[in-house]
Structures are given as structure tokens and as C-alpha cells.
């Protein structure tokens, strides 16, 4: 497995979002991937927030291109802020369609994206349809990665503890789909266990697990 972990390089003005959340959680995630997947190659890159948005987008996509040339990217994780339509610390110029086209390949049907970012799983349509995560899934499917999976939060909250997580699955389609589905539905029988488990290692292992595995683990506790 080849994984690329991206995050900003500093705190937002007046906040400690990088030093208190994004950087330490990204480091823990790297450890979880290396412990969970034998031989995993994990690269970490930080976006220079001092650069203009166009340069940030160029760096973001350039690092993906480097990983693709080095053997193909299986997992992309972003630890940073998010909105319904874009990643503000990268810039509006990073369209989900653009990102998906760089990640996708008919030779690599399975590509996973974990957006540890607020609101990227929300959208104007039902179940997050039309939002960043939904459009990214659609672009991955159109590019040939029809077994893709995009994980993203539907609202504002902690980057990894937020329980409102949707998954957008390729499900074999070459065009995408309409919205996504909850990993664990709010108010469902597993909801309480899910919220508690996200304060432990599950929040970091989530991108390496299927939803069925998540449910089985929660049910066993």
C-alpha cells in the first residue's frame, strides 16, 4: 500500500488547529497505517499556507502525481479544514473533479480517500449529493477507480472524533452515484458505542476498515 497524508504547515490565525489537532492526529494516523498494513509506504507532506492558493493547489496535486509515478496511490488522507465545496487551506482551485482525475486509474480500481475535515460530506442534495465528497467519488469512478471510497464528515466538528461520517462508494459504477451513506447512522443502536470508540484507536483505523468491519467491532464491545 502507498498512502499520502497531507495537512497544512501551521496554525490558522488565532487558533491551535495545527499544533493541537491536525499534526498530532496525522502522526498517529501514519503509525496506525504502518502498524495495520505490512509494508505500507506512507508519505507526509505539509501545505505551505504562506503561498498563494494557486501554488498550494499545484503542490497538492504535484505530490499526488509523484506518488502515482512511484507506484500508484492507494490511500489519500487530508487533515485540515473543510467546507461543503472545497478545502479552504488549499484553495477553491482544488476542484473535486480535478482531484479525482489525478487519483483515479483504470489500473487501480480501489482508491480510498479519507477527508478528516469538516462538512465535506455535506451537499445541496440528499445524503450529501453535490458536495465535495460526493463529487470526488463521482470523478474517481469516471476515471476508472470504480471501487473507490471517500470518507468525509457532514458537519463542523473535531477532525477525527466527529461521529457524523458518510462514505461515498464507487460500487462498481463508471459514473458515480447520488450521495452517500452513514458509516454509523445517528441515533442507531450502535451510535453510542461509535461515539465512544472514536475517542480510541478506531478513529485512526477507520480508513483501513470496511463499514461491515466497523459494525462488527462495535457490536462485539
Protein backbone atom coordinates (compact mmCIF):
# COMPACT_ATOMS: atom_id res chain seq x y z
CA UNK A 1 0.00 0.00 0.00
CA UNK A 2 1.10 3.54 -0.80
CA UNK A 3 -0.51 6.27 1.29
CA UNK A 4 -0.15 10.03 1.11
CA UNK A 5 -1.03 12.16 4.14
CA UNK A 6 -1.49 15.90 3.53
CA UNK A 7 -2.05 18.70 6.03
CA UNK A 8 -1.36 22.41 6.49
CA UNK A 9 2.01 23.51 7.86
CA UNK A 10 0.88 25.87 10.62
CA UNK A 11 -1.94 27.03 12.85
CA UNK A 12 -4.68 29.21 11.47
CA UNK A 13 -4.58 32.76 12.80
CA UNK A 14 -5.73 32.85 16.40
CA UNK A 15 -6.11 29.06 16.62
CA UNK A 16 -4.09 25.98 17.53
CA UNK A 17 -5.76 23.72 14.99
CA UNK A 18 -2.45 22.50 13.52
CA UNK A 19 -0.45 22.07 16.72
CA UNK A 20 -3.33 20.63 18.78
CA UNK A 21 -5.21 18.56 16.19
CA UNK A 22 -4.04 18.23 12.59
CA UNK A 23 -0.36 17.50 13.16
CA UNK A 24 -0.65 15.11 16.14
CA UNK A 25 -3.60 13.25 14.64
CA UNK A 26 -1.84 12.92 11.28
CA UNK A 27 1.20 11.48 13.06
CA UNK A 28 -0.96 8.98 14.92
CA UNK A 29 -2.67 8.05 11.66
CA UNK A 30 0.67 7.35 9.98
CA UNK A 31 1.57 5.00 12.83
CA UNK A 32 -1.82 3.27 12.57
CA UNK A 33 -1.39 2.68 8.82
CA UNK A 34 2.13 1.33 9.21
CA UNK A 35 1.04 -0.93 12.06
CA UNK A 36 -2.08 -2.09 10.24
CA UNK A 37 -0.68 -2.77 6.78
CA UNK A 38 2.54 -4.72 6.45
CA UNK A 39 4.98 -2.93 4.16
CA UNK A 40 2.89 0.23 3.85
CA UNK A 41 4.75 3.19 2.36
CA UNK A 42 3.42 6.41 3.90
CA UNK A 43 4.48 9.87 2.77
CA UNK A 44 3.59 13.04 4.69
CA UNK A 45 3.55 16.49 3.10
CA UNK A 46 2.56 19.85 4.53
CA UNK A 47 0.93 22.65 2.54
CA UNK A 48 2.75 25.96 2.91
CA UNK A 49 -0.04 28.31 3.93
CA UNK A 50 2.22 31.25 3.22
CA UNK A 51 1.95 30.60 -0.51
CA UNK A 52 -0.84 31.92 -2.75
CA UNK A 53 -3.70 29.45 -3.27
CA UNK A 54 -2.59 28.58 -6.80
CA UNK A 55 0.77 27.35 -5.52
CA UNK A 56 -0.90 25.34 -2.77
CA UNK A 57 -3.11 23.58 -5.31
CA UNK A 58 -0.09 22.92 -7.51
CA UNK A 59 1.84 21.39 -4.61
CA UNK A 60 -1.17 19.29 -3.54
CA UNK A 61 -1.64 17.81 -7.00
CA UNK A 62 2.08 17.55 -7.64
CA UNK A 63 2.62 15.37 -4.59
CA UNK A 64 -0.18 13.08 -5.80
CA UNK A 65 1.48 12.87 -9.22
CA UNK A 66 4.78 11.90 -7.60
CA UNK A 67 3.12 9.05 -5.72
CA UNK A 68 1.33 7.87 -8.84
CA UNK A 69 4.63 7.74 -10.73
CA UNK A 70 6.29 5.93 -7.83
CA UNK A 71 3.86 3.03 -7.98
CA UNK A 72 0.31 4.27 -7.62
CA UNK A 73 -1.56 5.76 -4.68
CA UNK A 74 -3.94 3.57 -2.68
CA UNK A 75 -4.92 5.98 0.09
CA UNK A 76 -5.04 9.76 0.37
CA UNK A 77 -5.75 11.42 3.71
CA UNK A 78 -6.31 15.12 4.34
CA UNK A 79 -6.09 16.54 7.86
CA UNK A 80 -7.34 20.11 7.70
CA UNK A 81 -10.35 22.34 7.43
CA UNK A 82 -13.14 21.57 5.01
CA UNK A 83 -16.33 23.06 3.64
CA UNK A 84 -19.14 21.68 1.56
CA UNK A 85 -17.47 22.64 -1.71
CA UNK A 86 -13.74 22.92 -1.10
CA UNK A 87 -10.74 22.69 1.24
CA UNK A 88 -10.11 26.29 2.36
CA UNK A 89 -6.47 25.79 3.36
CA UNK A 90 -5.70 24.52 -0.12
CA UNK A 91 -7.94 26.88 -2.08
CA UNK A 92 -11.06 26.98 -4.21
CA UNK A 93 -8.95 25.98 -7.21
CA UNK A 94 -8.76 22.40 -5.99
CA UNK A 95 -11.98 21.13 -7.54
CA UNK A 96 -13.06 17.63 -6.51
CA UNK A 97 -13.32 16.70 -10.19
CA UNK A 98 -9.69 17.74 -10.68
CA UNK A 99 -8.52 15.84 -7.62
CA UNK A 100 -10.42 12.71 -8.64
CA UNK A 101 -8.98 12.71 -12.14
CA UNK A 102 -5.44 12.80 -10.73
CA UNK A 103 -6.10 10.00 -8.26
CA UNK A 104 -8.10 7.68 -10.49
CA UNK A 105 -6.82 4.98 -12.81
CA UNK A 106 -8.43 2.03 -14.58
CA UNK A 107 -5.39 0.03 -13.42
CA UNK A 108 -6.18 0.81 -9.78
CA UNK A 109 -9.88 0.32 -9.22
CA UNK A 110 -9.60 0.63 -5.43
CA UNK A 111 -8.60 4.09 -4.24
CA UNK A 112 -9.55 5.35 -0.77
CA UNK A 113 -9.74 8.97 0.34
CA UNK A 114 -10.14 9.98 3.98
CA UNK A 115 -11.13 13.61 4.48
CA UNK A 116 -10.54 14.38 8.14
CA UNK A 117 -12.21 17.71 7.51
CA UNK A 118 -15.49 19.39 8.37
CA UNK A 119 -18.55 19.41 6.11
CA UNK A 120 -17.01 17.77 3.04
CA UNK A 121 -19.65 15.05 3.29
CA UNK A 122 -22.47 17.57 3.12
CA UNK A 123 -24.14 18.71 -0.10
CA UNK A 124 -27.07 20.56 -1.58
CA UNK A 125 -28.79 17.31 -2.48
CA UNK A 126 -29.91 14.34 -0.39
CA UNK A 127 -27.28 12.38 1.54
CA UNK A 128 -24.52 14.82 0.63
CA UNK A 129 -25.15 14.75 -3.11
CA UNK A 130 -23.28 17.52 -4.88
CA UNK A 131 -20.80 18.12 -2.06
CA UNK A 132 -17.03 17.71 -2.15
CA UNK A 133 -17.00 14.05 -1.10
CA UNK A 134 -19.79 13.12 -3.49
CA UNK A 135 -18.23 14.85 -6.49
CA UNK A 136 -14.83 13.37 -5.66
CA UNK A 137 -16.34 9.86 -5.65
CA UNK A 138 -18.00 10.56 -8.98
CA UNK A 139 -14.73 11.75 -10.50
CA UNK A 140 -12.85 8.69 -9.23
CA UNK A 141 -15.45 6.43 -10.83
CA UNK A 142 -15.30 8.27 -14.14
CA UNK A 143 -11.50 7.93 -14.09
CA UNK A 144 -11.70 4.16 -13.72
CA UNK A 145 -11.37 3.70 -9.95
CA UNK A 146 -14.83 2.24 -9.68
CA UNK A 147 -14.23 0.52 -6.33
CA UNK A 148 -13.30 3.80 -4.63
CA UNK A 149 -14.36 5.00 -1.21
CA UNK A 150 -14.43 8.55 0.13
CA UNK A 151 -14.92 9.14 3.86
CA UNK A 152 -15.93 12.62 4.98
CA UNK A 153 -17.69 14.48 7.79
CA UNK A 154 -21.07 16.08 7.25
CA UNK A 155 -20.77 18.96 9.69
CA UNK A 156 -18.33 21.04 11.72
CA UNK A 157 -16.55 19.16 14.47
CA UNK A 158 -13.28 17.63 15.59
CA UNK A 159 -11.15 16.30 12.72
CA UNK A 160 -11.19 12.71 13.94
CA UNK A 161 -13.72 12.48 16.79
CA UNK A 162 -16.68 13.76 14.79
CA UNK A 163 -19.12 10.82 14.53
CA UNK A 164 -21.07 12.23 11.57
CA UNK A 165 -19.19 10.35 8.88
CA UNK A 166 -20.50 9.50 5.43
CA UNK A 167 -18.93 7.13 2.96
CA UNK A 168 -19.28 7.63 -0.78
CA UNK A 169 -18.73 4.34 -2.57
CA UNK A 170 -17.96 3.71 -6.20
CA UNK A 171 -19.83 0.40 -6.05
CA UNK A 172 -18.56 -0.58 -9.48
CA UNK A 173 -20.19 2.34 -11.30
CA UNK A 174 -18.33 4.19 -14.03
CA UNK A 175 -20.31 7.39 -13.40
CA UNK A 176 -20.60 7.60 -9.60
CA UNK A 177 -23.75 7.85 -7.56
CA UNK A 178 -26.24 10.03 -5.71
CA UNK A 179 -24.97 10.93 -2.26
CA UNK A 180 -23.51 8.59 0.30
CA UNK A 181 -24.47 6.67 3.41
CA UNK A 182 -23.65 6.85 7.10
CA UNK A 183 -20.86 4.69 8.45
CA UNK A 184 -22.96 4.59 11.61
CA UNK A 185 -26.34 6.32 11.42
CA UNK A 186 -27.10 8.92 14.09
CA UNK A 187 -29.46 7.53 16.69
CA UNK A 188 -28.98 3.94 15.56
CA UNK A 189 -28.30 1.14 18.09
CA UNK A 190 -24.52 1.44 17.55
CA UNK A 191 -24.41 5.23 17.79
CA UNK A 192 -23.35 5.44 21.42
CA UNK A 193 -20.63 2.84 21.01
CA UNK A 194 -19.45 4.55 17.83
CA UNK A 195 -19.04 7.91 19.53
CA UNK A 196 -17.11 6.33 22.38
CA UNK A 197 -14.91 4.23 20.09
CA UNK A 198 -13.86 7.28 18.07
CA UNK A 199 -12.04 8.55 21.15
CA UNK A 200 -9.88 5.45 20.85
CA UNK A 201 -7.91 3.88 18.02
CA UNK A 202 -10.93 3.30 15.77
CA UNK A 203 -10.81 6.90 14.52
CA UNK A 204 -7.36 6.23 13.05
CA UNK A 205 -8.07 2.73 11.74
CA UNK A 206 -11.36 3.69 10.09
CA UNK A 207 -9.97 4.24 6.55
CA UNK A 208 -8.43 0.76 6.68
CA UNK A 209 -11.73 -0.93 7.58
CA UNK A 210 -14.95 -1.66 5.76
CA UNK A 211 -18.18 -0.44 7.28
CA UNK A 212 -19.12 -4.06 7.97
CA UNK A 213 -15.91 -4.47 9.97
CA UNK A 214 -16.66 -1.30 11.90
CA UNK A 215 -20.14 -2.55 12.76
CA UNK A 216 -18.81 -5.95 13.79
CA UNK A 217 -16.21 -4.40 16.07
CA UNK A 218 -18.76 -2.11 17.69
CA UNK A 219 -21.25 -4.93 18.15
CA UNK A 220 -18.63 -7.01 19.93
CA UNK A 221 -17.99 -4.36 22.59
